[in-house]
Amino acid sequence: MGHVTVITDQAVTVPGRVEGARLLIDASHLEEATGWVRKAHGLCQDDVCVPVTDPESLEADGAVDVAALARVLGRRCVVEPGASIAAMALDAADRRGALDGLRAPDFTLPDLDGNLHRLSDTAGSKRLVVVFASWCGCRYDLPGWQALADELADDGLVVTAVALDDDPEEVRPFSRDLDMAVLIDRQHLLSELYAVSNVPTVVWIDEAGTIVRPNGLAFGTDTFADFTGVSSAPHLEAVRRWVLDGELPLDPADAAGAVADLTDNEIDARLHFRVGAEVRRQGDTEVAERHLRRAGELTPMDFSVRRAAMPLLGEDPFGQAFLDLYDEWQAIGAPYHGLPAEAG
């Protein structure tokens, strides 16, 4: 038996095989690859069990079909049999819980040196999660977010920056001399968990894990204010009022459902992106390009897909291709999963 790679919140390579268009995981490695365990009454993870009504479609000769597993779990899946890779969507209930129920999904991501950090490690503090990228000018905002973190640290604010990037070394030059945690999200986990479609995006989370300000455009400095037309001051002042005076930026009834859920195409685009990025890491640039471009076709105005793919495709994310994309995006109303800057 050979090996296959399964991508969920991380990419895991386990014993398995490819049969035609099917990607099969050795059943004894199912939990390692996916977190799920096959039991007599179904597929189980912690205290959740999902019944399997058609076991023959799920299992074959001691192996589990990844696409069939995704169907049983009610998740979308993209399979690249030629590279022995499959990407399976995350639990949509976590994202809906964030967008509609304002419950911040926990996540675990590495910093630039590989040390793991969990969102829940900072429970008990007010938190800003600042989603940025090396392929965005917002990389120059990190000192501004560090200054805010320093200013309000004694009042209980923790700022965590998360880069939607493939290579920590692309991020490192912009994070030097920073004390706040700078994490790297190679699988664009937050893009799916929190429905992030552009950067910079900032989420406010209180001490108990409640989202008090959903995904929203915000800047830590005015470096690009002339280009974006957005000043950093209103948002930074709103953060201070929240931390120091407990003033909520939105009524909870207005915050719930303020950010639209991802469509099936947007989820599939994220899966194709993950497959393409992983295939590229393995050295197959032709197959990688096919998946990365398919991701862009599925969600052409999603910068977390289109612009993020540019450096992986050898394109300049600050060049004419980006400027053309930006103009097109502006012309159709700048669609975005998030609150506008004015809401801050």
Protein backbone atom coordinates (compact mmCIF):
# COMPACT_ATOMS: atom_id res chain seq x y z
CA MET A 1 0.00 0.00 0.00
CA GLY A 2 1.22 3.48 -0.84
CA HIS A 3 0.44 6.80 0.86
CA VAL A 4 -2.23 9.47 0.48
CA THR A 5 -2.55 12.99 1.88
CA VAL A 6 -5.77 14.22 3.45
CA ILE A 7 -6.26 17.92 4.19
CA THR A 8 -8.72 19.08 6.83
CA ASP A 9 -7.35 21.66 9.29
CA GLN A 10 -3.91 20.31 8.42
CA ALA A 11 -2.36 18.05 5.79
CA VAL A 12 -1.74 14.50 7.03
CA THR A 13 -0.08 11.75 5.00
CA VAL A 14 -1.06 8.19 5.88
CA PRO A 15 -1.01 4.74 4.29
CA GLY A 16 -3.59 4.44 1.54
CA ARG A 17 -4.11 3.97 -2.18
CA VAL A 18 -5.81 5.38 -5.24
CA GLU A 19 -8.34 3.37 -7.22
CA GLY A 20 -9.49 5.27 -10.29
CA ALA A 21 -10.95 8.53 -8.99
CA ARG A 22 -11.18 7.24 -5.44
CA LEU A 23 -8.75 8.09 -2.65
CA LEU A 24 -8.72 5.36 0.00
CA ILE A 25 -7.26 5.66 3.51
CA ASP A 26 -6.07 2.56 5.35
CA ALA A 27 -8.88 2.11 7.88
CA SER A 28 -6.45 1.75 10.77
CA HIS A 29 -5.21 5.31 10.05
CA LEU A 30 -8.63 6.93 9.67
CA GLU A 31 -8.46 8.77 13.01
CA GLU A 32 -4.94 9.99 12.35
CA ALA A 33 -5.98 11.41 8.97
CA THR A 34 -9.40 12.82 9.82
CA GLY A 35 -10.05 12.71 13.55
CA TRP A 36 -12.94 10.26 13.04
CA VAL A 37 -13.16 6.67 14.29
CA ARG A 38 -15.18 3.92 12.60
CA LYS A 39 -17.39 2.12 15.12
CA ALA A 40 -20.17 -0.39 14.76
CA HIS A 41 -22.85 2.29 14.99
CA GLY A 42 -21.17 4.84 12.74
CA LEU A 43 -18.37 7.38 12.50
CA CYS A 44 -17.50 8.95 15.83
CA GLN A 45 -15.46 11.91 17.02
CA ASP A 46 -15.47 12.66 20.74
CA ASP A 47 -19.14 12.45 21.77
CA VAL A 48 -20.52 12.91 18.24
CA CYS A 49 -21.48 9.89 16.13
CA VAL A 50 -22.84 9.92 12.58
CA PRO A 51 -24.66 6.81 11.32
CA VAL A 52 -23.39 5.05 8.21
CA THR A 53 -26.33 3.80 6.16
CA ASP A 54 -24.32 2.48 3.19
CA PRO A 55 -21.11 0.93 4.54
CA GLU A 56 -20.23 -0.67 1.20
CA SER A 57 -19.79 2.77 -0.42
CA LEU A 58 -17.63 3.94 2.47
CA GLU A 59 -15.29 0.97 2.95
CA ALA A 60 -13.47 -1.41 0.64
CA ASP A 61 -10.88 -4.02 1.59
CA GLY A 62 -9.80 -2.41 4.83
CA ALA A 63 -9.78 1.15 3.46
CA VAL A 64 -12.11 4.17 3.69
CA ASP A 65 -13.10 6.28 0.68
CA VAL A 66 -12.41 9.96 1.51
CA ALA A 67 -15.14 11.35 -0.74
CA ALA A 68 -17.68 8.91 0.68
CA LEU A 69 -16.56 9.84 4.19
CA ALA A 70 -17.18 13.51 3.36
CA ARG A 71 -20.68 12.69 2.09
CA VAL A 72 -21.53 10.82 5.29
CA LEU A 73 -20.36 13.81 7.33
CA GLY A 74 -22.23 16.26 5.11
CA ARG A 75 -19.06 18.00 3.97
CA ARG A 76 -17.72 19.02 0.61
CA CYS A 77 -14.58 17.40 -0.77
CA VAL A 78 -12.11 17.80 -3.62
CA VAL A 79 -9.98 14.83 -4.71
CA GLU A 80 -6.85 14.90 -6.89
CA PRO A 81 -6.15 11.21 -7.53
CA GLY A 82 -3.12 11.96 -9.70
CA ALA A 83 -1.32 13.41 -6.69
CA SER A 84 -2.99 11.16 -4.07
CA ILE A 85 -4.41 14.21 -2.28
CA ALA A 86 -7.90 15.08 -1.04
CA ALA A 87 -9.20 18.11 0.83
CA MET A 88 -12.31 17.83 2.99
CA ALA A 89 -14.25 20.85 4.23
CA LEU A 90 -14.48 21.72 7.90
CA ASP A 91 -17.69 21.36 9.91
CA ALA A 92 -20.02 24.05 8.57
CA ALA A 93 -21.76 24.14 11.96
CA ASP A 94 -18.69 25.81 13.46
CA ARG A 95 -18.82 28.59 10.88
CA ARG A 96 -22.57 29.05 11.24
CA GLY A 97 -22.09 29.14 14.99
CA ALA A 98 -19.61 31.99 14.49
CA LEU A 99 -21.67 33.97 12.00
CA ASP A 100 -25.13 33.50 13.49
CA GLY A 101 -24.47 32.39 17.07
CA LEU A 102 -21.40 34.59 17.62
CA ARG A 103 -19.46 31.66 19.12
CA ALA A 104 -15.80 31.92 18.18
CA PRO A 105 -14.56 28.58 16.79
CA ASP A 106 -11.36 27.46 18.44
CA PHE A 107 -8.35 26.87 16.23
CA THR A 108 -4.75 25.77 16.58
CA LEU A 109 -2.04 27.25 14.36
CA PRO A 110 1.76 27.41 14.46
CA ASP A 111 3.79 30.54 14.85
CA LEU A 112 6.64 31.23 12.42
CA ASP A 113 8.92 28.91 14.40
CA GLY A 114 6.43 26.04 14.46
CA ASN A 115 5.19 26.46 18.04
CA LEU A 116 1.47 25.74 18.29
CA HIS A 117 -1.00 28.30 19.66
CA ARG A 118 -4.69 27.80 20.42
CA LEU A 119 -7.23 30.59 20.45
CA SER A 120 -8.57 29.15 23.70
CA ASP A 121 -5.16 29.65 25.33
CA THR A 122 -6.08 33.34 25.64
CA ALA A 123 -9.55 32.77 27.12
CA GLY A 124 -10.26 35.28 29.87
CA SER A 125 -8.88 38.17 27.80
CA LYS A 126 -10.45 40.44 25.25
CA ARG A 127 -8.95 39.46 21.90
CA LEU A 128 -8.41 40.82 18.44
CA VAL A 129 -7.64 38.29 15.71
CA VAL A 130 -6.02 40.24 12.87
CA VAL A 131 -5.97 38.26 9.60
CA PHE A 132 -3.36 39.55 7.15
CA ALA A 133 -0.91 38.20 4.54
CA SER A 134 2.52 38.84 3.08
CA TRP A 135 0.78 39.31 -0.30
CA CYS A 136 -1.15 42.31 1.07
CA GLY A 137 0.07 45.78 1.94
CA CYS A 138 -1.51 45.21 5.35
CA ARG A 139 1.69 43.38 6.26
CA TYR A 140 3.04 46.85 7.04
CA ASP A 141 0.27 47.34 9.62
CA LEU A 142 1.74 44.87 12.11
CA PRO A 143 3.66 47.54 14.08
CA GLY A 144 0.38 49.43 14.49
CA TRP A 145 -1.34 46.37 15.92
CA GLN A 146 1.67 45.78 18.18
CA ALA A 147 1.41 49.37 19.45
CA LEU A 148 -2.28 48.83 20.26
CA ALA A 149 -1.47 45.54 22.02
CA ASP A 150 1.20 47.28 24.10
CA GLU A 151 -1.07 50.19 24.94
CA LEU A 152 -3.92 48.00 26.19
CA ALA A 153 -2.06 44.94 27.50
CA ASP A 154 -2.51 45.91 31.16
CA ASP A 155 -6.22 46.38 30.49
CA GLY A 156 -6.59 42.81 29.26
CA LEU A 157 -6.31 42.99 25.46
CA VAL A 158 -4.48 40.28 23.49
CA VAL A 159 -3.80 40.80 19.78
CA THR A 160 -3.00 37.78 17.61
CA ALA A 161 -2.01 38.18 13.97
CA VAL A 162 -2.70 35.32 11.54
CA ALA A 163 -1.07 35.24 8.11
CA LEU A 164 -2.85 33.48 5.24
CA ASP A 165 0.47 32.40 3.79
CA ASP A 166 2.25 29.32 2.54
CA ASP A 167 5.77 30.07 3.73
CA PRO A 168 6.62 31.48 7.17
CA GLU A 169 9.80 32.98 5.75
CA GLU A 170 7.68 35.27 3.56
CA VAL A 171 6.07 36.62 6.72
CA ARG A 172 9.11 36.79 8.99
CA PRO A 173 10.59 40.09 7.68
CA PHE A 174 7.39 41.90 8.66
CA SER A 175 7.16 40.39 12.14
CA ARG A 176 10.62 41.21 13.45
CA ASP A 177 10.68 43.03 16.79
CA LEU A 178 7.04 42.12 17.50
CA ASP A 179 6.01 40.58 20.82
CA MET A 180 2.47 39.62 19.86
CA ALA A 181 1.88 36.16 18.44
CA VAL A 182 2.16 35.98 14.64
CA LEU A 183 0.74 32.71 13.36
CA ILE A 184 0.73 31.16 9.91
CA ASP A 185 -2.36 29.59 8.38
CA ARG A 186 -1.14 27.50 5.43
CA GLN A 187 -4.53 25.83 4.89
CA HIS A 188 -6.45 29.13 5.14
CA LEU A 189 -8.33 27.62 8.06
CA LEU A 190 -9.67 30.97 9.22
CA SER A 191 -10.87 31.73 5.71
CA GLU A 192 -13.33 28.87 6.09
CA LEU A 193 -13.98 28.89 9.85
CA TYR A 194 -14.77 32.61 9.99
CA ALA A 195 -15.80 33.20 6.35
CA VAL A 196 -12.85 35.50 5.66
CA SER A 197 -12.66 36.58 2.01
CA ASN A 198 -10.15 39.43 2.14
CA VAL A 199 -7.41 40.90 4.28
CA PRO A 200 -6.97 42.77 6.49
CA THR A 201 -9.90 41.34 8.41
CA VAL A 202 -10.24 41.77 12.18
CA VAL A 203 -12.48 39.79 14.57
CA TRP A 204 -13.18 40.89 18.16
CA ILE A 205 -13.68 38.10 20.70
CA ASP A 206 -14.49 38.63 24.37
CA GLU A 207 -13.24 36.81 27.46
CA ALA A 208 -15.87 34.07 27.17
CA GLY A 209 -15.32 33.34 23.47
CA THR A 210 -18.23 35.42 22.15
CA ILE A 211 -17.68 37.34 18.93
CA VAL A 212 -18.61 40.95 19.69
CA ARG A 213 -17.56 42.36 16.32
CA PRO A 214 -17.61 39.88 13.42
CA ASN A 215 -15.19 39.90 10.49
CA GLY A 216 -14.57 43.44 9.42
CA LEU A 217 -12.20 45.51 7.36
CA ALA A 218 -9.77 47.41 9.59
CA PHE A 219 -6.25 48.78 9.46
CA GLY A 220 -3.63 49.21 12.15
CA THR A 221 -2.00 52.24 10.48
CA ASP A 222 -2.79 54.79 7.78
CA THR A 223 -0.02 53.56 5.49
CA PHE A 224 -2.44 52.92 2.62
CA ALA A 225 -5.27 55.25 3.62
CA ASP A 226 -4.93 57.25 0.39
CA PHE A 227 -5.35 54.06 -1.66
CA THR A 228 -8.15 52.45 0.38
CA GLY A 229 -9.93 55.59 1.58
CA VAL A 230 -10.07 54.06 5.06
CA SER A 231 -8.61 55.67 8.17
CA SER A 232 -7.41 53.45 11.02
CA ALA A 233 -8.55 55.87 13.74
CA PRO A 234 -12.29 55.04 14.05
CA HIS A 235 -11.62 51.33 14.48
CA LEU A 236 -8.74 51.81 16.91
CA GLU A 237 -10.82 54.20 19.01
CA ALA A 238 -13.69 51.70 19.05
CA VAL A 239 -11.30 49.02 20.35
CA ARG A 240 -10.19 51.35 23.14
CA ARG A 241 -13.79 52.06 24.15
CA TRP A 242 -14.52 48.33 24.24
CA VAL A 243 -11.46 47.42 26.27
CA LEU A 244 -11.51 50.38 28.67
CA ASP A 245 -15.24 51.08 29.02
CA GLY A 246 -16.94 47.87 27.91
CA GLU A 247 -18.71 49.66 25.04
CA LEU A 248 -19.83 47.13 22.44
CA PRO A 249 -19.28 48.12 18.81
CA LEU A 250 -22.56 46.49 17.77
CA ASP A 251 -25.72 45.32 19.42
CA PRO A 252 -25.51 41.49 19.55
CA ALA A 253 -28.75 41.27 17.58
CA ASP A 254 -27.13 43.29 14.79
CA ALA A 255 -23.85 41.38 14.96
CA ALA A 256 -25.54 37.98 14.58
CA GLY A 257 -25.93 37.24 10.89
CA ALA A 258 -24.20 40.47 9.82
CA VAL A 259 -21.68 38.46 7.80
CA ALA A 260 -23.01 36.13 5.11
CA ASP A 261 -22.13 32.45 5.11
CA LEU A 262 -19.93 30.95 2.41
CA THR A 263 -21.58 29.50 -0.67
CA ASP A 264 -20.82 25.99 -1.91
CA ASN A 265 -18.65 27.50 -4.66
CA GLU A 266 -16.68 29.49 -2.09
CA ILE A 267 -16.10 26.37 0.00
CA ASP A 268 -15.07 24.37 -3.07
CA ALA A 269 -12.69 27.17 -4.04
CA ARG A 270 -10.96 26.90 -0.67
CA LEU A 271 -10.64 23.14 -1.11
CA HIS A 272 -9.15 23.51 -4.59
CA PHE A 273 -6.77 26.13 -3.20
CA ARG A 274 -5.61 23.73 -0.47
CA VAL A 275 -5.10 20.91 -2.94
CA GLY A 276 -3.25 23.19 -5.34
CA ALA A 277 -0.97 24.56 -2.63
CA GLU A 278 -0.19 21.07 -1.33
CA VAL A 279 0.50 19.69 -4.82
CA ARG A 280 2.81 22.64 -5.41
CA ARG A 281 4.73 21.80 -2.23
CA GLN A 282 5.19 18.32 -3.67
CA GLY A 283 6.63 19.78 -6.86
CA ASP A 284 3.88 19.26 -9.44
CA THR A 285 3.39 22.80 -10.71
CA GLU A 286 1.10 21.84 -13.60
CA VAL A 287 -1.51 20.12 -11.42
CA ALA A 288 -1.09 22.83 -8.77
CA GLU A 289 -1.86 25.54 -11.30
CA ARG A 290 -4.97 23.72 -12.47
CA HIS A 291 -6.43 23.63 -8.97
CA LEU A 292 -5.37 27.16 -8.05
CA ARG A 293 -6.95 28.56 -11.22
CA ARG A 294 -10.09 26.50 -10.68
CA ALA A 295 -10.32 28.02 -7.20
CA GLY A 296 -10.24 31.48 -8.74
CA GLU A 297 -12.91 30.57 -11.29
CA LEU A 298 -15.25 29.44 -8.53
CA THR A 299 -14.91 32.67 -6.54
CA PRO A 300 -13.34 35.32 -8.76
CA MET A 301 -13.74 38.25 -6.36
CA ASP A 302 -12.46 36.48 -3.24
CA PHE A 303 -9.02 37.92 -2.52
CA SER A 304 -8.21 35.18 0.01
CA VAL A 305 -8.29 32.87 -3.02
CA ARG A 306 -7.47 34.97 -6.10
CA ARG A 307 -4.78 37.28 -4.73
CA ALA A 308 -3.39 34.62 -2.39
CA ALA A 309 -2.84 32.37 -5.41
CA MET A 310 -0.80 34.95 -7.32
CA PRO A 311 2.58 34.32 -5.64
CA LEU A 312 1.97 30.56 -5.90
CA LEU A 313 1.41 30.99 -9.64
CA GLY A 314 4.50 33.15 -10.09
CA GLU A 315 2.44 36.33 -10.39
CA ASP A 316 3.05 39.62 -8.58
CA PRO A 317 0.32 40.22 -5.95
CA PHE A 318 1.20 43.93 -6.07
CA GLY A 319 1.44 44.19 -9.86
CA GLN A 320 -0.90 45.02 -12.70
CA ALA A 321 -2.86 41.77 -12.39
CA PHE A 322 -3.80 42.73 -8.84
CA LEU A 323 -4.62 46.33 -9.81
CA ASP A 324 -6.91 45.06 -12.56
CA LEU A 325 -8.59 42.69 -10.09
CA TYR A 326 -8.97 45.50 -7.57
CA ASP A 327 -10.60 47.79 -10.15
CA GLU A 328 -12.98 45.01 -11.20
CA TRP A 329 -13.84 44.31 -7.56
CA GLN A 330 -14.52 47.99 -6.89
CA ALA A 331 -16.65 48.27 -10.02
CA ILE A 332 -19.09 45.62 -8.80
CA GLY A 333 -19.41 47.05 -5.30
CA ALA A 334 -16.41 45.51 -3.50
CA PRO A 335 -18.15 42.29 -2.37
CA TYR A 336 -16.75 41.06 0.91
CA HIS A 337 -17.61 38.64 3.71
CA GLY A 338 -17.34 41.18 6.49
CA LEU A 339 -18.44 44.43 8.02
CA PRO A 340 -17.44 47.60 6.16
CA ALA A 341 -14.88 49.86 7.76
CA GLU A 342 -17.59 52.35 8.70
CA ALA A 343 -19.05 49.79 11.12
CA GLY A 344 -15.91 50.10 13.26
